[in-house]
Amino acid sequence: MKKLVIIFFFIPFYYLTAQCSDAGVCSIGGHVTESNKNSFSVSYNYGYSGSIDDIKYQSINFSSKLFINDKSYISLFLPLGKQSGPLGSTSGLGDLIAIYNYQIINNDDLNMFLSGGLKIATSSFNKNNLLPQAYQSGLSTNDILAGISFMISDLNFSAGYQIAGGRNTEVFPELKRGDDLLIKGAYQFTFSDLQVQIEILYIKRVCKSSVIAYNGLSNQYYDIVGSDQGQLNLQLVGSLPLNENANLFGSFALPFIDRKINVDGLTRKFSVEFGASYNF
């Protein structure tokens, strides 16, 4: 049996979608698997923004993991989203995440991965009944993702950074997000055949986001007060093998310290997900 390796950025049968004010950075820091097989998964995710915005978020998520060799692999993730709230509803393709992962240490005491990749602006927007950014299926920016993850025994620690790729001019209010920093810690254990992981994530918007203001004569941009806030989240993830190649999985996430501002559509009061994966 091959040594345990860290699945960094996302593993298809564990990945949580936009559960933590996530522009992509929450996919950093992986879970542990005894298999280095290629895999494909499909899942359904439901999230709720809270009563202030009262927006419900649903998505069907497609993801895959493709090994290049014993030390490196590519992970891909693409959602189809639907958002509905008091102002209306939209649906469409979300942003593609593509990550290259490379294992730099693999021994009995320590496993470590470096990863880097892109969040690519493949999302579609509702042009006929254009609603604010919080209702859209993607962010329409090309972002850079990078980080490091390591495991000691059943403990996993990760840090990552997301460089936001400019202003979204596709939709009001022409949001320009600040960069995001992630710090994550996790503990994994097995109960019978059920593999469980408990995670604590801290996500910090490093600098303020900005939006456009129309004054009748010219367009000006201003920083959103409080948009550089942090958030602390709890995630509970479980995976149950059906056979050697197939797994069922589920997850639940909620914030201990939540974001108050939802102009980017990333705030969640809670999020749940379930799905299945196949290894090949």
C-alpha atoms as a PDB file:
ATOM      1  CA  MET A   1       0.000   0.000   0.000  1.00  0.00           C
ATOM      2  CA  LYS A   2       1.381   3.389  -0.925  1.00  0.00           C
ATOM      3  CA  LYS A   3       2.140   5.866   1.805  1.00  0.00           C
ATOM      4  CA  LEU A   4      -0.498   8.388   2.826  1.00  0.00           C
ATOM      5  CA  VAL A   5      -0.391  11.538   0.758  1.00  0.00           C
ATOM      6  CA  ILE A   6      -2.001  14.909   1.236  1.00  0.00           C
ATOM      7  CA  ILE A   7      -4.559  15.884  -1.359  1.00  0.00           C
ATOM      8  CA  PHE A   8      -3.989  19.582  -1.696  1.00  0.00           C
ATOM      9  CA  PHE A   9      -6.348  22.256  -3.008  1.00  0.00           C
ATOM     10  CA  PHE A  10      -9.224  19.837  -3.399  1.00  0.00           C
ATOM     11  CA  ILE A  11      -9.920  16.176  -3.418  1.00  0.00           C
ATOM     12  CA  PRO A  12     -13.091  15.408  -5.396  1.00  0.00           C
ATOM     13  CA  PHE A  13     -14.880  13.360  -2.771  1.00  0.00           C
ATOM     14  CA  TYR A  14     -14.201  15.890   0.010  1.00  0.00           C
ATOM     15  CA  TYR A  15     -14.327  19.294  -1.585  1.00  0.00           C
ATOM     16  CA  LEU A  16     -16.699  21.869  -0.102  1.00  0.00           C
ATOM     17  CA  THR A  17     -18.039  24.510  -2.422  1.00  0.00           C
ATOM     18  CA  ALA A  18     -18.164  28.189  -1.440  1.00  0.00           C
ATOM     19  CA  GLN A  19     -18.965  27.248   2.113  1.00  0.00           C
ATOM     20  CA  CYS A  20     -16.726  29.789   3.773  1.00  0.00           C
ATOM     21  CA  SER A  21     -16.952  33.096   1.959  1.00  0.00           C
ATOM     22  CA  ASP A  22     -14.901  31.235  -0.592  1.00  0.00           C
ATOM     23  CA  ALA A  23     -13.583  32.833  -3.776  1.00  0.00           C
ATOM     24  CA  GLY A  24     -11.484  29.711  -4.325  1.00  0.00           C
ATOM     25  CA  VAL A  25      -8.961  29.905  -1.495  1.00  0.00           C
ATOM     26  CA  CYS A  26     -10.925  27.499   0.734  1.00  0.00           C
ATOM     27  CA  SER A  27      -9.970  24.654  -1.567  1.00  0.00           C
ATOM     28  CA  ILE A  28      -6.429  24.965  -0.259  1.00  0.00           C
ATOM     29  CA  GLY A  29      -5.350  22.360   2.239  1.00  0.00           C
ATOM     30  CA  GLY A  30      -6.388  18.855   1.547  1.00  0.00           C
ATOM     31  CA  HIS A  31      -7.476  15.635   3.010  1.00  0.00           C
ATOM     32  CA  VAL A  32      -5.730  12.338   3.325  1.00  0.00           C
ATOM     33  CA  THR A  33      -6.135   9.334   1.092  1.00  0.00           C
ATOM     34  CA  GLU A  34      -4.381   5.997   0.753  1.00  0.00           C
ATOM     35  CA  SER A  35      -5.000   5.911  -2.979  1.00  0.00           C
ATOM     36  CA  ASN A  36      -3.287   7.841  -5.744  1.00  0.00           C
ATOM     37  CA  LYS A  37      -5.810   6.794  -8.366  1.00  0.00           C
ATOM     38  CA  ASN A  38      -7.423   9.184 -10.792  1.00  0.00           C
ATOM     39  CA  SER A  39     -10.950  10.104  -9.773  1.00  0.00           C
ATOM     40  CA  PHE A  40     -14.130  11.882 -10.850  1.00  0.00           C
ATOM     41  CA  SER A  41     -16.974  13.108  -8.670  1.00  0.00           C
ATOM     42  CA  VAL A  42     -20.367  14.802  -8.843  1.00  0.00           C
ATOM     43  CA  SER A  43     -21.994  16.545  -5.893  1.00  0.00           C
ATOM     44  CA  TYR A  44     -24.886  18.807  -4.910  1.00  0.00           C
ATOM     45  CA  ASN A  45     -24.326  21.804  -2.627  1.00  0.00           C
ATOM     46  CA  TYR A  46     -26.853  24.006  -0.844  1.00  0.00           C
ATOM     47  CA  GLY A  47     -25.954  27.200   1.005  1.00  0.00           C
ATOM     48  CA  TYR A  48     -27.825  30.123   2.567  1.00  0.00           C
ATOM     49  CA  SER A  49     -26.541  33.690   2.901  1.00  0.00           C
ATOM     50  CA  GLY A  50     -28.601  34.584   5.974  1.00  0.00           C
ATOM     51  CA  SER A  51     -31.690  36.684   6.543  1.00  0.00           C
ATOM     52  CA  ILE A  52     -30.188  40.061   5.579  1.00  0.00           C
ATOM     53  CA  ASP A  53     -29.765  39.132   1.894  1.00  0.00           C
ATOM     54  CA  ASP A  54     -31.953  35.994   2.024  1.00  0.00           C
ATOM     55  CA  ILE A  55     -30.202  34.374  -0.951  1.00  0.00           C
ATOM     56  CA  LYS A  56     -30.227  30.614  -1.485  1.00  0.00           C
ATOM     57  CA  TYR A  57     -27.293  29.078  -3.344  1.00  0.00           C
ATOM     58  CA  GLN A  58     -27.449  25.719  -5.112  1.00  0.00           C
ATOM     59  CA  SER A  59     -24.875  24.075  -7.350  1.00  0.00           C
ATOM     60  CA  ILE A  60     -24.009  20.850  -9.113  1.00  0.00           C
ATOM     61  CA  ASN A  61     -20.253  20.372  -8.902  1.00  0.00           C
ATOM     62  CA  PHE A  62     -18.041  18.350 -11.235  1.00  0.00           C
ATOM     63  CA  SER A  63     -14.471  17.627 -10.174  1.00  0.00           C
ATOM     64  CA  SER A  64     -11.601  15.356 -11.099  1.00  0.00           C
ATOM     65  CA  LYS A  65      -8.091  14.409 -10.033  1.00  0.00           C
ATOM     66  CA  LEU A  66      -5.593  13.291 -12.678  1.00  0.00           C
ATOM     67  CA  PHE A  67      -2.165  11.992 -11.696  1.00  0.00           C
ATOM     68  CA  ILE A  68       0.872  12.893 -13.787  1.00  0.00           C
ATOM     69  CA  ASN A  69       3.224  10.667 -11.771  1.00  0.00           C
ATOM     70  CA  ASP A  70       3.628   9.399  -8.188  1.00  0.00           C
ATOM     71  CA  LYS A  71       4.473  12.873  -6.906  1.00  0.00           C
ATOM     72  CA  SER A  72       2.239  15.223  -8.869  1.00  0.00           C
ATOM     73  CA  TYR A  73      -1.319  15.539 -10.103  1.00  0.00           C
ATOM     74  CA  ILE A  74      -3.765  18.029 -11.570  1.00  0.00           C
ATOM     75  CA  SER A  75      -7.093  18.768  -9.910  1.00  0.00           C
ATOM     76  CA  LEU A  76     -10.052  20.361 -11.699  1.00  0.00           C
ATOM     77  CA  PHE A  77     -13.336  21.739 -10.430  1.00  0.00           C
ATOM     78  CA  LEU A  78     -16.315  23.253 -12.275  1.00  0.00           C
ATOM     79  CA  PRO A  79     -19.740  24.183 -10.792  1.00  0.00           C
ATOM     80  CA  LEU A  80     -23.154  24.862 -12.298  1.00  0.00           C
ATOM     81  CA  GLY A  81     -24.962  27.268  -9.994  1.00  0.00           C
ATOM     82  CA  LYS A  82     -28.429  28.638  -9.267  1.00  0.00           C
ATOM     83  CA  GLN A  83     -28.993  31.624  -6.996  1.00  0.00           C
ATOM     84  CA  SER A  84     -32.411  32.874  -5.846  1.00  0.00           C
ATOM     85  CA  GLY A  85     -33.567  35.612  -3.494  1.00  0.00           C
ATOM     86  CA  PRO A  86     -35.908  38.607  -3.083  1.00  0.00           C
ATOM     87  CA  LEU A  87     -34.601  40.318  -6.257  1.00  0.00           C
ATOM     88  CA  GLY A  88     -35.001  37.279  -8.517  1.00  0.00           C
ATOM     89  CA  SER A  89     -32.906  34.331  -9.612  1.00  0.00           C
ATOM     90  CA  THR A  90     -30.038  33.489 -11.957  1.00  0.00           C
ATOM     91  CA  SER A  91     -28.278  30.308 -13.027  1.00  0.00           C
ATOM     92  CA  GLY A  92     -25.304  29.343 -15.111  1.00  0.00           C
ATOM     93  CA  LEU A  93     -21.776  28.048 -15.360  1.00  0.00           C
ATOM     94  CA  GLY A  94     -19.373  28.957 -12.565  1.00  0.00           C
ATOM     95  CA  ASP A  95     -15.621  29.566 -12.589  1.00  0.00           C
ATOM     96  CA  LEU A  96     -13.183  26.743 -13.376  1.00  0.00           C
ATOM     97  CA  ILE A  97     -10.414  25.932 -10.881  1.00  0.00           C
ATOM     98  CA  ALA A  98      -7.296  24.182 -12.210  1.00  0.00           C
ATOM     99  CA  ILE A  99      -4.464  23.278  -9.828  1.00  0.00           C
ATOM    100  CA  TYR A 100      -1.070  21.600 -10.168  1.00  0.00           C
ATOM    101  CA  ASN A 101       0.029  19.786  -6.992  1.00  0.00           C
ATOM    102  CA  TYR A 102       3.565  18.533  -6.252  1.00  0.00           C
ATOM    103  CA  GLN A 103       4.699  16.449  -3.282  1.00  0.00           C
ATOM    104  CA  ILE A 104       8.053  17.652  -1.938  1.00  0.00           C
ATOM    105  CA  ILE A 105       8.303  15.435   1.184  1.00  0.00           C
ATOM    106  CA  ASN A 106       6.996  11.906   1.712  1.00  0.00           C
ATOM    107  CA  ASN A 107       8.151   9.929   4.744  1.00  0.00           C
ATOM    108  CA  ASP A 108       6.734   8.274   7.856  1.00  0.00           C
ATOM    109  CA  ASP A 109       6.819  11.483   9.911  1.00  0.00           C
ATOM    110  CA  LEU A 110       5.874  14.180   7.434  1.00  0.00           C
ATOM    111  CA  ASN A 111       4.128  14.623   4.093  1.00  0.00           C
ATOM    112  CA  MET A 112       4.190  17.993   2.357  1.00  0.00           C
ATOM    113  CA  PHE A 113       2.721  19.423  -0.853  1.00  0.00           C
ATOM    114  CA  LEU A 114       3.181  22.645  -2.779  1.00  0.00           C
ATOM    115  CA  SER A 115       0.400  23.748  -5.129  1.00  0.00           C
ATOM    116  CA  GLY A 116      -0.311  26.490  -7.588  1.00  0.00           C
ATOM    117  CA  GLY A 117      -3.012  27.207 -10.107  1.00  0.00           C
ATOM    118  CA  LEU A 118      -5.759  29.416 -11.449  1.00  0.00           C
ATOM    119  CA  LYS A 119      -9.388  30.237 -10.964  1.00  0.00           C
ATOM    120  CA  ILE A 120     -10.476  30.933 -14.538  1.00  0.00           C
ATOM    121  CA  ALA A 121     -13.363  33.257 -15.438  1.00  0.00           C
ATOM    122  CA  THR A 122     -15.604  30.774 -17.248  1.00  0.00           C
ATOM    123  CA  SER A 123     -18.784  31.939 -15.489  1.00  0.00           C
ATOM    124  CA  SER A 124     -21.867  33.100 -17.357  1.00  0.00           C
ATOM    125  CA  PHE A 125     -24.098  36.043 -16.380  1.00  0.00           C
ATOM    126  CA  ASN A 126     -27.816  36.694 -16.711  1.00  0.00           C
ATOM    127  CA  LYS A 127     -27.836  39.512 -19.299  1.00  0.00           C
ATOM    128  CA  ASN A 128     -31.608  39.810 -19.738  1.00  0.00           C
ATOM    129  CA  ASN A 129     -32.445  40.352 -16.072  1.00  0.00           C
ATOM    130  CA  LEU A 130     -29.103  41.444 -14.687  1.00  0.00           C
ATOM    131  CA  LEU A 131     -28.946  41.086 -10.924  1.00  0.00           C
ATOM    132  CA  PRO A 132     -26.139  42.165  -8.543  1.00  0.00           C
ATOM    133  CA  GLN A 133     -22.914  40.208  -8.118  1.00  0.00           C
ATOM    134  CA  ALA A 134     -24.297  38.356  -5.072  1.00  0.00           C
ATOM    135  CA  TYR A 135     -26.781  36.575  -7.398  1.00  0.00           C
ATOM    136  CA  GLN A 136     -24.253  35.493 -10.029  1.00  0.00           C
ATOM    137  CA  SER A 137     -22.751  32.023 -10.555  1.00  0.00           C
ATOM    138  CA  GLY A 138     -19.152  33.237 -10.711  1.00  0.00           C
ATOM    139  CA  LEU A 139     -16.809  36.163 -10.063  1.00  0.00           C
ATOM    140  CA  SER A 140     -15.641  36.800 -13.667  1.00  0.00           C
ATOM    141  CA  THR A 141     -11.998  37.285 -12.687  1.00  0.00           C
ATOM    142  CA  ASN A 142      -8.861  35.255 -13.371  1.00  0.00           C
ATOM    143  CA  ASP A 143      -7.233  34.643  -9.978  1.00  0.00           C
ATOM    144  CA  ILE A 144      -3.941  33.048  -8.920  1.00  0.00           C
ATOM    145  CA  LEU A 145      -3.927  30.406  -6.160  1.00  0.00           C
ATOM    146  CA  ALA A 146      -0.879  29.169  -4.240  1.00  0.00           C
ATOM    147  CA  GLY A 147      -0.117  27.469  -0.971  1.00  0.00           C
ATOM    148  CA  ILE A 148       1.461  24.743   1.101  1.00  0.00           C
ATOM    149  CA  SER A 149       0.027  21.818   3.053  1.00  0.00           C
ATOM    150  CA  PHE A 150       1.590  19.254   5.358  1.00  0.00           C
ATOM    151  CA  MET A 151       0.499  16.341   7.533  1.00  0.00           C
ATOM    152  CA  ILE A 152       1.848  14.917  10.761  1.00  0.00           C
ATOM    153  CA  SER A 153       0.045  11.719  11.792  1.00  0.00           C
ATOM    154  CA  ASP A 154      -3.714  12.495  11.639  1.00  0.00           C
ATOM    155  CA  LEU A 155      -3.202  16.281  11.733  1.00  0.00           C
ATOM    156  CA  ASN A 156      -3.239  18.425   8.610  1.00  0.00           C
ATOM    157  CA  PHE A 157      -2.111  22.064   8.406  1.00  0.00           C
ATOM    158  CA  SER A 158      -2.368  24.356   5.399  1.00  0.00           C
ATOM    159  CA  ALA A 159      -1.839  27.941   4.327  1.00  0.00           C
ATOM    160  CA  GLY A 160      -2.807  29.530   1.050  1.00  0.00           C
ATOM    161  CA  TYR A 161      -3.147  32.816  -0.763  1.00  0.00           C
ATOM    162  CA  GLN A 162      -5.439  33.989  -3.562  1.00  0.00           C
ATOM    163  CA  ILE A 163      -4.501  36.970  -5.725  1.00  0.00           C
ATOM    164  CA  ALA A 164      -7.719  38.514  -7.030  1.00  0.00           C
ATOM    165  CA  GLY A 165      -7.619  39.167 -10.756  1.00  0.00           C
ATOM    166  CA  GLY A 166      -9.030  42.653 -11.123  1.00  0.00           C
ATOM    167  CA  ARG A 167     -12.463  44.211 -11.458  1.00  0.00           C
ATOM    168  CA  ASN A 168     -15.615  42.433 -12.640  1.00  0.00           C
ATOM    169  CA  THR A 169     -17.033  44.810 -15.248  1.00  0.00           C
ATOM    170  CA  GLU A 170     -19.720  42.318 -16.325  1.00  0.00           C
ATOM    171  CA  VAL A 171     -22.199  43.214 -13.612  1.00  0.00           C
ATOM    172  CA  PHE A 172     -23.118  45.942 -11.110  1.00  0.00           C
ATOM    173  CA  PRO A 173     -21.451  47.093  -8.865  1.00  0.00           C
ATOM    174  CA  GLU A 174     -18.217  46.305 -10.795  1.00  0.00           C
ATOM    175  CA  LEU A 175     -16.630  44.657  -7.790  1.00  0.00           C
ATOM    176  CA  LYS A 176     -12.875  44.464  -7.287  1.00  0.00           C
ATOM    177  CA  ARG A 177     -12.166  41.981  -4.499  1.00  0.00           C
ATOM    178  CA  GLY A 178      -9.232  42.100  -2.151  1.00  0.00           C
ATOM    179  CA  ASP A 179      -6.802  39.190  -1.938  1.00  0.00           C
ATOM    180  CA  ASP A 180      -7.559  36.320   0.463  1.00  0.00           C
ATOM    181  CA  LEU A 181      -5.339  34.539   2.996  1.00  0.00           C
ATOM    182  CA  LEU A 182      -6.267  31.093   4.366  1.00  0.00           C
ATOM    183  CA  ILE A 183      -4.983  29.212   7.411  1.00  0.00           C
ATOM    184  CA  LYS A 184      -6.443  25.750   8.010  1.00  0.00           C
ATOM    185  CA  GLY A 185      -6.067  23.002  10.582  1.00  0.00           C
ATOM    186  CA  ALA A 186      -7.720  19.576  10.436  1.00  0.00           C
ATOM    187  CA  TYR A 187      -7.952  16.316  12.340  1.00  0.00           C
ATOM    188  CA  GLN A 188      -8.970  13.025  10.731  1.00  0.00           C
ATOM    189  CA  PHE A 189     -10.258   9.813  12.281  1.00  0.00           C
ATOM    190  CA  THR A 190     -12.121   6.673  11.230  1.00  0.00           C
ATOM    191  CA  PHE A 191     -15.341   5.350  12.761  1.00  0.00           C
ATOM    192  CA  SER A 192     -15.997   1.845  11.440  1.00  0.00           C
ATOM    193  CA  ASP A 193     -15.865   2.337   7.634  1.00  0.00           C
ATOM    194  CA  LEU A 194     -16.687   6.046   7.861  1.00  0.00           C
ATOM    195  CA  GLN A 195     -13.770   8.436   7.422  1.00  0.00           C
ATOM    196  CA  VAL A 196     -14.351  11.764   9.206  1.00  0.00           C
ATOM    197  CA  GLN A 197     -12.413  15.004   9.156  1.00  0.00           C
ATOM    198  CA  ILE A 198     -12.964  18.056  11.375  1.00  0.00           C
ATOM    199  CA  GLU A 199     -11.548  21.317  10.048  1.00  0.00           C
ATOM    200  CA  ILE A 200     -11.088  24.839  11.392  1.00  0.00           C
ATOM    201  CA  LEU A 201     -10.474  27.521   8.768  1.00  0.00           C
ATOM    202  CA  TYR A 202      -9.556  31.165   9.131  1.00  0.00           C
ATOM    203  CA  ILE A 203     -10.027  33.288   6.000  1.00  0.00           C
ATOM    204  CA  LYS A 204      -8.828  36.907   5.922  1.00  0.00           C
ATOM    205  CA  ARG A 205      -9.601  39.409   3.184  1.00  0.00           C
ATOM    206  CA  VAL A 206      -6.203  41.078   3.119  1.00  0.00           C
ATOM    207  CA  CYS A 207      -7.333  44.433   1.746  1.00  0.00           C
ATOM    208  CA  LYS A 208     -10.677  46.149   1.190  1.00  0.00           C
ATOM    209  CA  SER A 209     -12.804  45.414  -1.854  1.00  0.00           C
ATOM    210  CA  SER A 210     -14.110  48.309  -3.956  1.00  0.00           C
ATOM    211  CA  VAL A 211     -17.225  49.026  -6.063  1.00  0.00           C
ATOM    212  CA  ILE A 212     -18.399  51.708  -8.480  1.00  0.00           C
ATOM    213  CA  ALA A 213     -20.510  54.725  -7.513  1.00  0.00           C
ATOM    214  CA  TYR A 214     -22.487  56.593 -10.204  1.00  0.00           C
ATOM    215  CA  ASN A 215     -22.725  60.329  -9.470  1.00  0.00           C
ATOM    216  CA  GLY A 216     -24.283  61.449 -12.760  1.00  0.00           C
ATOM    217  CA  LEU A 217     -21.122  63.049 -14.139  1.00  0.00           C
ATOM    218  CA  SER A 218     -18.401  60.480 -13.733  1.00  0.00           C
ATOM    219  CA  ASN A 219     -17.872  57.018 -12.331  1.00  0.00           C
ATOM    220  CA  GLN A 220     -15.851  56.704  -9.163  1.00  0.00           C
ATOM    221  CA  TYR A 221     -14.781  53.684  -7.158  1.00  0.00           C
ATOM    222  CA  TYR A 222     -14.761  53.514  -3.385  1.00  0.00           C
ATOM    223  CA  ASP A 223     -13.650  50.985  -0.805  1.00  0.00           C
ATOM    224  CA  ILE A 224     -16.306  49.013   1.052  1.00  0.00           C
ATOM    225  CA  VAL A 225     -15.998  49.645   4.775  1.00  0.00           C
ATOM    226  CA  GLY A 226     -15.440  46.390   6.660  1.00  0.00           C
ATOM    227  CA  SER A 227     -14.801  44.322   3.519  1.00  0.00           C
ATOM    228  CA  ASP A 228     -11.328  43.352   4.768  1.00  0.00           C
ATOM    229  CA  GLN A 229     -12.858  41.281   7.560  1.00  0.00           C
ATOM    230  CA  GLY A 230     -11.893  37.785   8.632  1.00  0.00           C
ATOM    231  CA  GLN A 231     -14.022  34.687   9.078  1.00  0.00           C
ATOM    232  CA  LEU A 232     -13.579  31.566  11.219  1.00  0.00           C
ATOM    233  CA  ASN A 233     -15.339  28.403  10.017  1.00  0.00           C
ATOM    234  CA  LEU A 234     -15.995  24.880  11.208  1.00  0.00           C
ATOM    235  CA  GLN A 235     -16.308  22.052   8.647  1.00  0.00           C
ATOM    236  CA  LEU A 236     -17.308  18.460   9.191  1.00  0.00           C
ATOM    237  CA  VAL A 237     -16.618  16.059   6.306  1.00  0.00           C
ATOM    238  CA  GLY A 238     -17.380  12.359   5.947  1.00  0.00           C
ATOM    239  CA  SER A 239     -16.683   9.704   3.302  1.00  0.00           C
ATOM    240  CA  LEU A 240     -18.049   6.168   3.117  1.00  0.00           C
ATOM    241  CA  PRO A 241     -16.573   3.649   0.636  1.00  0.00           C
ATOM    242  CA  LEU A 242     -19.066   1.568  -1.348  1.00  0.00           C
ATOM    243  CA  ASN A 243     -16.375  -0.631  -2.866  1.00  0.00           C
ATOM    244  CA  GLU A 244     -12.744  -0.393  -3.953  1.00  0.00           C
ATOM    245  CA  ASN A 245     -13.453   2.381  -6.460  1.00  0.00           C
ATOM    246  CA  ALA A 246     -16.638   4.197  -5.354  1.00  0.00           C
ATOM    247  CA  ASN A 247     -17.370   6.486  -2.409  1.00  0.00           C
ATOM    248  CA  LEU A 248     -20.311   8.412  -0.997  1.00  0.00           C
ATOM    249  CA  PHE A 249     -19.523  11.662   0.800  1.00  0.00           C
ATOM    250  CA  GLY A 250     -21.180  14.484   2.689  1.00  0.00           C
ATOM    251  CA  SER A 251     -20.235  17.685   4.461  1.00  0.00           C
ATOM    252  CA  PHE A 252     -21.574  20.434   6.681  1.00  0.00           C
ATOM    253  CA  ALA A 253     -20.030  23.857   7.296  1.00  0.00           C
ATOM    254  CA  LEU A 254     -20.896  26.928   9.362  1.00  0.00           C
ATOM    255  CA  PRO A 255     -19.061  30.035  10.610  1.00  0.00           C
ATOM    256  CA  PHE A 256     -18.076  30.810  14.204  1.00  0.00           C
ATOM    257  CA  ILE A 257     -17.196  34.330  13.093  1.00  0.00           C
ATOM    258  CA  ASP A 258     -19.038  35.255   9.914  1.00  0.00           C
ATOM    259  CA  ARG A 259     -18.773  37.973   7.312  1.00  0.00           C
ATOM    260  CA  LYS A 260     -21.395  40.731   7.474  1.00  0.00           C
ATOM    261  CA  ILE A 261     -20.951  41.972   3.908  1.00  0.00           C
ATOM    262  CA  ASN A 262     -22.184  39.899   0.951  1.00  0.00           C
ATOM    263  CA  VAL A 263     -21.562  42.121  -2.070  1.00  0.00           C
ATOM    264  CA  ASP A 264     -19.458  39.341  -3.650  1.00  0.00           C
ATOM    265  CA  GLY A 265     -22.088  36.633  -2.986  1.00  0.00           C
ATOM    266  CA  LEU A 266     -19.686  34.484  -0.957  1.00  0.00           C
ATOM    267  CA  THR A 267     -21.183  34.741   2.548  1.00  0.00           C
ATOM    268  CA  ARG A 268     -22.825  31.591   3.935  1.00  0.00           C
ATOM    269  CA  LYS A 269     -24.627  31.074   7.235  1.00  0.00           C
ATOM    270  CA  PHE A 270     -24.327  27.366   6.538  1.00  0.00           C
ATOM    271  CA  SER A 271     -23.594  24.975   3.681  1.00  0.00           C
ATOM    272  CA  VAL A 272     -24.294  21.277   3.107  1.00  0.00           C
ATOM    273  CA  GLU A 273     -23.079  18.981   0.356  1.00  0.00           C
ATOM    274  CA  PHE A 274     -23.454  15.359  -0.686  1.00  0.00           C
ATOM    275  CA  GLY A 275     -22.292  13.351  -3.666  1.00  0.00           C
ATOM    276  CA  ALA A 276     -20.372  10.390  -5.030  1.00  0.00           C
ATOM    277  CA  SER A 277     -16.940   9.764  -6.514  1.00  0.00           C
ATOM    278  CA  TYR A 278     -15.385   7.070  -8.669  1.00  0.00           C
ATOM    279  CA  ASN A 279     -11.686   6.138  -8.731  1.00  0.00           C
ATOM    280  CA  PHE A 280     -10.104   4.732 -11.884  1.00  0.00           C
END
